[in-house]
Amino acid sequence: MKNKLKFIVYKFFTLIYKRYTPSGQSIKELFFIAFIQKIIGINRSVPWPVHYTSFVKGHENIHSKTELVGEAIRNYIDGRNGIILEENVWLGPNVSIISQNHNENNYKKYNEGKPIIIHKNSLLLCNCVILPEVELGEHTIVAAGAVVTKSFIEGNQIIGGVPAKLIKKLDNYIEL
């Protein structure tokens, strides 16, 4: 009976969220997120569940093969210039991904630019910031508190610091 109820609830959530595939959240957690998001209105237009302390801007320009962008607490995801997340990209708490810069000569205008691209099997740890036009290679770990201002496309690496630099090379990612 419990599995049947869970199946029905997950089906209901796939109706109210256009881009949602159940990934193990509890029914209580899903109802709370849906209430905050769809009834209260925090991140209402985002077509997938977002934690109520996170904020997603420009969701229509976020293309993700990763489940639940913004699921962690206090994420700030600004996709106005585009964000592409491949499979198995994990975001920790307080991660900021900012795809758009203000114009230097008129702060009310924004600069157009390339989208941020984060390749598969990457991990962005707490309090890191990914700035516009950055591309991260496959199997990149961004250390806690790092500020990524340039691309690191080689992959199999740990980057960290302010501004971020290569800390360590890694072996290939092992799929389980």
Protein backbone atom coordinates (compact mmCIF):
# COMPACT_ATOMS: atom_id res chain seq x y z
CA MET A 1 0.00 0.00 0.00
CA LYS A 2 2.82 2.40 0.91
CA ASN A 3 4.60 1.83 -2.42
CA LYS A 4 1.33 2.38 -4.31
CA LEU A 5 0.76 5.68 -2.48
CA LYS A 6 4.32 6.79 -3.22
CA PHE A 7 3.82 5.91 -6.90
CA ILE A 8 0.61 8.00 -7.04
CA VAL A 9 2.28 10.96 -5.32
CA TYR A 10 5.29 10.82 -7.66
CA LYS A 11 2.92 10.73 -10.66
CA PHE A 12 1.10 13.79 -9.28
CA PHE A 13 4.39 15.66 -8.98
CA THR A 14 5.34 14.83 -12.56
CA LEU A 15 2.11 16.60 -13.57
CA ILE A 16 2.77 19.84 -11.62
CA TYR A 17 6.48 19.90 -12.44
CA LYS A 18 7.18 19.59 -16.17
CA ARG A 19 10.85 18.72 -15.62
CA TYR A 20 10.77 16.32 -12.68
CA THR A 21 11.77 12.73 -12.28
CA PRO A 22 11.41 11.27 -8.77
CA SER A 23 14.81 10.82 -7.18
CA GLY A 24 14.10 9.63 -3.67
CA GLN A 25 12.67 12.63 -1.85
CA SER A 26 10.21 11.84 0.89
CA ILE A 27 6.52 12.52 0.25
CA LYS A 28 6.49 15.03 3.12
CA GLU A 29 9.46 16.91 1.65
CA LEU A 30 7.87 17.00 -1.82
CA PHE A 31 4.58 18.38 -0.50
CA PHE A 32 6.40 21.05 1.53
CA ILE A 33 8.50 22.14 -1.48
CA ALA A 34 5.42 22.16 -3.74
CA PHE A 35 3.46 24.23 -1.21
CA ILE A 36 6.23 26.83 -0.87
CA GLN A 37 6.91 26.90 -4.61
CA LYS A 38 3.44 26.69 -6.16
CA ILE A 39 1.17 28.16 -3.44
CA ILE A 40 3.42 30.70 -1.67
CA GLY A 41 5.16 31.50 -4.97
CA ILE A 42 8.90 31.23 -4.32
CA ASN A 43 10.40 30.10 -7.66
CA ARG A 44 6.84 29.48 -8.90
CA SER A 45 7.69 29.50 -12.62
CA VAL A 46 10.56 27.01 -12.34
CA PRO A 47 9.35 23.68 -13.82
CA TRP A 48 11.20 21.48 -11.31
CA PRO A 49 11.27 21.39 -7.49
CA VAL A 50 13.61 24.00 -5.96
CA HIS A 51 14.47 24.29 -2.27
CA TYR A 52 12.63 27.24 -0.77
CA THR A 53 15.91 28.92 0.31
CA SER A 54 17.35 28.71 -3.22
CA PHE A 55 16.67 31.11 -6.07
CA VAL A 56 16.59 30.35 -9.81
CA LYS A 57 16.60 33.13 -12.43
CA GLY A 58 16.22 32.55 -16.17
CA HIS A 59 15.19 28.89 -15.79
CA GLU A 60 14.21 28.73 -19.47
CA ASN A 61 17.93 29.02 -20.36
CA ILE A 62 19.06 26.27 -18.00
CA HIS A 63 19.53 22.96 -19.78
CA SER A 64 20.25 20.19 -17.35
CA LYS A 65 20.60 16.45 -17.51
CA THR A 66 21.13 16.61 -13.74
CA GLU A 67 18.13 16.20 -11.47
CA LEU A 68 16.88 19.06 -9.34
CA VAL A 69 19.12 22.06 -9.94
CA GLY A 70 18.66 24.21 -6.84
CA GLU A 71 17.65 21.32 -4.60
CA ALA A 72 20.38 22.13 -2.07
CA ILE A 73 19.87 24.96 0.38
CA ARG A 74 20.70 28.58 -0.51
CA ASN A 75 21.75 28.01 -4.16
CA TYR A 76 21.66 31.04 -6.46
CA ILE A 77 21.35 29.99 -10.11
CA ASP A 78 21.22 32.80 -12.70
CA GLY A 79 20.68 31.26 -16.14
CA ARG A 80 19.89 34.38 -18.15
CA ASN A 81 22.91 33.88 -20.48
CA GLY A 82 22.51 30.11 -20.35
CA ILE A 83 23.71 27.24 -18.19
CA ILE A 84 24.34 23.73 -19.48
CA LEU A 85 24.75 20.98 -16.89
CA GLU A 86 25.53 17.49 -18.13
CA GLU A 87 24.78 14.22 -16.32
CA ASN A 88 25.76 13.65 -12.69
CA VAL A 89 26.59 17.25 -11.76
CA TRP A 90 26.16 17.79 -8.01
CA LEU A 91 25.69 21.16 -6.32
CA GLY A 92 26.36 21.64 -2.62
CA PRO A 93 24.77 24.29 -0.40
CA ASN A 94 25.34 28.01 -1.07
CA VAL A 95 26.60 27.39 -4.62
CA SER A 96 26.21 30.37 -6.97
CA ILE A 97 26.21 29.95 -10.74
CA ILE A 98 26.02 33.38 -12.37
CA SER A 99 25.86 33.44 -16.17
CA GLN A 100 25.53 37.19 -16.75
CA ASN A 101 27.67 40.25 -15.98
CA HIS A 102 26.60 43.87 -15.63
CA ASN A 103 27.86 46.20 -18.34
CA GLU A 104 30.86 48.15 -17.00
CA ASN A 105 29.58 51.47 -18.43
CA ASN A 106 25.89 51.13 -17.52
CA TYR A 107 25.01 48.89 -14.58
CA LYS A 108 21.37 48.67 -15.70
CA LYS A 109 22.49 46.75 -18.82
CA TYR A 110 23.84 43.21 -18.98
CA ASN A 111 26.53 41.80 -21.25
CA GLU A 112 25.60 39.01 -23.65
CA GLY A 113 27.91 36.04 -23.49
CA LYS A 114 28.45 32.32 -23.87
CA PRO A 115 26.61 29.96 -21.52
CA ILE A 116 28.28 28.32 -18.56
CA ILE A 117 28.98 24.66 -19.34
CA ILE A 118 29.64 22.09 -16.62
CA HIS A 119 30.49 18.69 -18.03
CA LYS A 120 29.42 15.38 -16.55
CA ASN A 121 30.53 13.85 -13.25
CA SER A 122 31.38 17.20 -11.68
CA LEU A 123 30.94 18.32 -8.08
CA LEU A 124 30.54 21.91 -6.92
CA LEU A 125 31.12 22.11 -3.18
CA CYS A 126 29.61 24.58 -0.72
CA ASN A 127 30.06 28.31 -1.12
CA CYS A 128 31.73 28.12 -4.53
CA VAL A 129 30.93 30.67 -7.23
CA ILE A 130 30.93 29.97 -10.98
CA LEU A 131 31.11 33.19 -13.02
CA PRO A 132 29.99 33.94 -16.63
CA GLU A 133 31.29 32.06 -19.67
CA VAL A 134 33.12 29.41 -17.62
CA GLU A 135 33.41 25.85 -18.93
CA LEU A 136 34.41 23.03 -16.59
CA GLY A 137 35.70 19.78 -18.04
CA GLU A 138 34.41 16.31 -17.24
CA HIS A 139 35.00 15.12 -13.64
CA THR A 140 35.89 18.50 -12.15
CA ILE A 141 35.59 19.08 -8.42
CA VAL A 142 35.31 22.72 -7.39
CA ALA A 143 36.57 23.15 -3.82
CA ALA A 144 34.51 24.82 -1.12
CA GLY A 145 34.71 28.62 -1.29
CA ALA A 146 36.34 28.72 -4.74
CA VAL A 147 35.60 31.52 -7.19
CA VAL A 148 35.87 30.23 -10.76
CA THR A 149 36.60 33.13 -13.13
CA LYS A 150 38.02 31.19 -16.10
CA SER A 151 37.47 27.86 -17.84
CA PHE A 152 39.15 24.59 -16.85
CA ILE A 153 38.23 22.35 -19.77
CA GLU A 154 40.81 19.58 -19.35
CA GLY A 155 38.80 17.63 -16.74
CA ASN A 156 39.76 15.02 -14.10
CA GLN A 157 40.83 17.76 -11.72
CA ILE A 158 40.25 19.56 -8.45
CA ILE A 159 40.23 23.35 -8.66
CA GLY A 160 40.01 25.81 -5.80
CA GLY A 161 41.00 29.19 -4.44
CA VAL A 162 40.18 32.80 -5.21
CA PRO A 163 40.51 32.98 -8.16
CA ALA A 164 40.36 29.23 -8.78
CA LYS A 165 43.45 27.39 -9.97
CA LEU A 166 44.34 23.74 -10.53
CA ILE A 167 44.99 21.99 -7.22
CA LYS A 168 45.25 18.34 -8.18
CA LYS A 169 44.82 16.02 -11.17
CA LEU A 170 42.44 13.06 -10.72
CA ASP A 171 42.03 9.63 -12.25
CA ASN A 172 38.98 9.03 -14.45
CA TYR A 173 35.60 9.02 -12.73
CA ILE A 174 34.40 5.55 -11.76
CA GLU A 175 30.71 4.86 -12.53
CA LEU A 176 29.02 2.49 -10.09
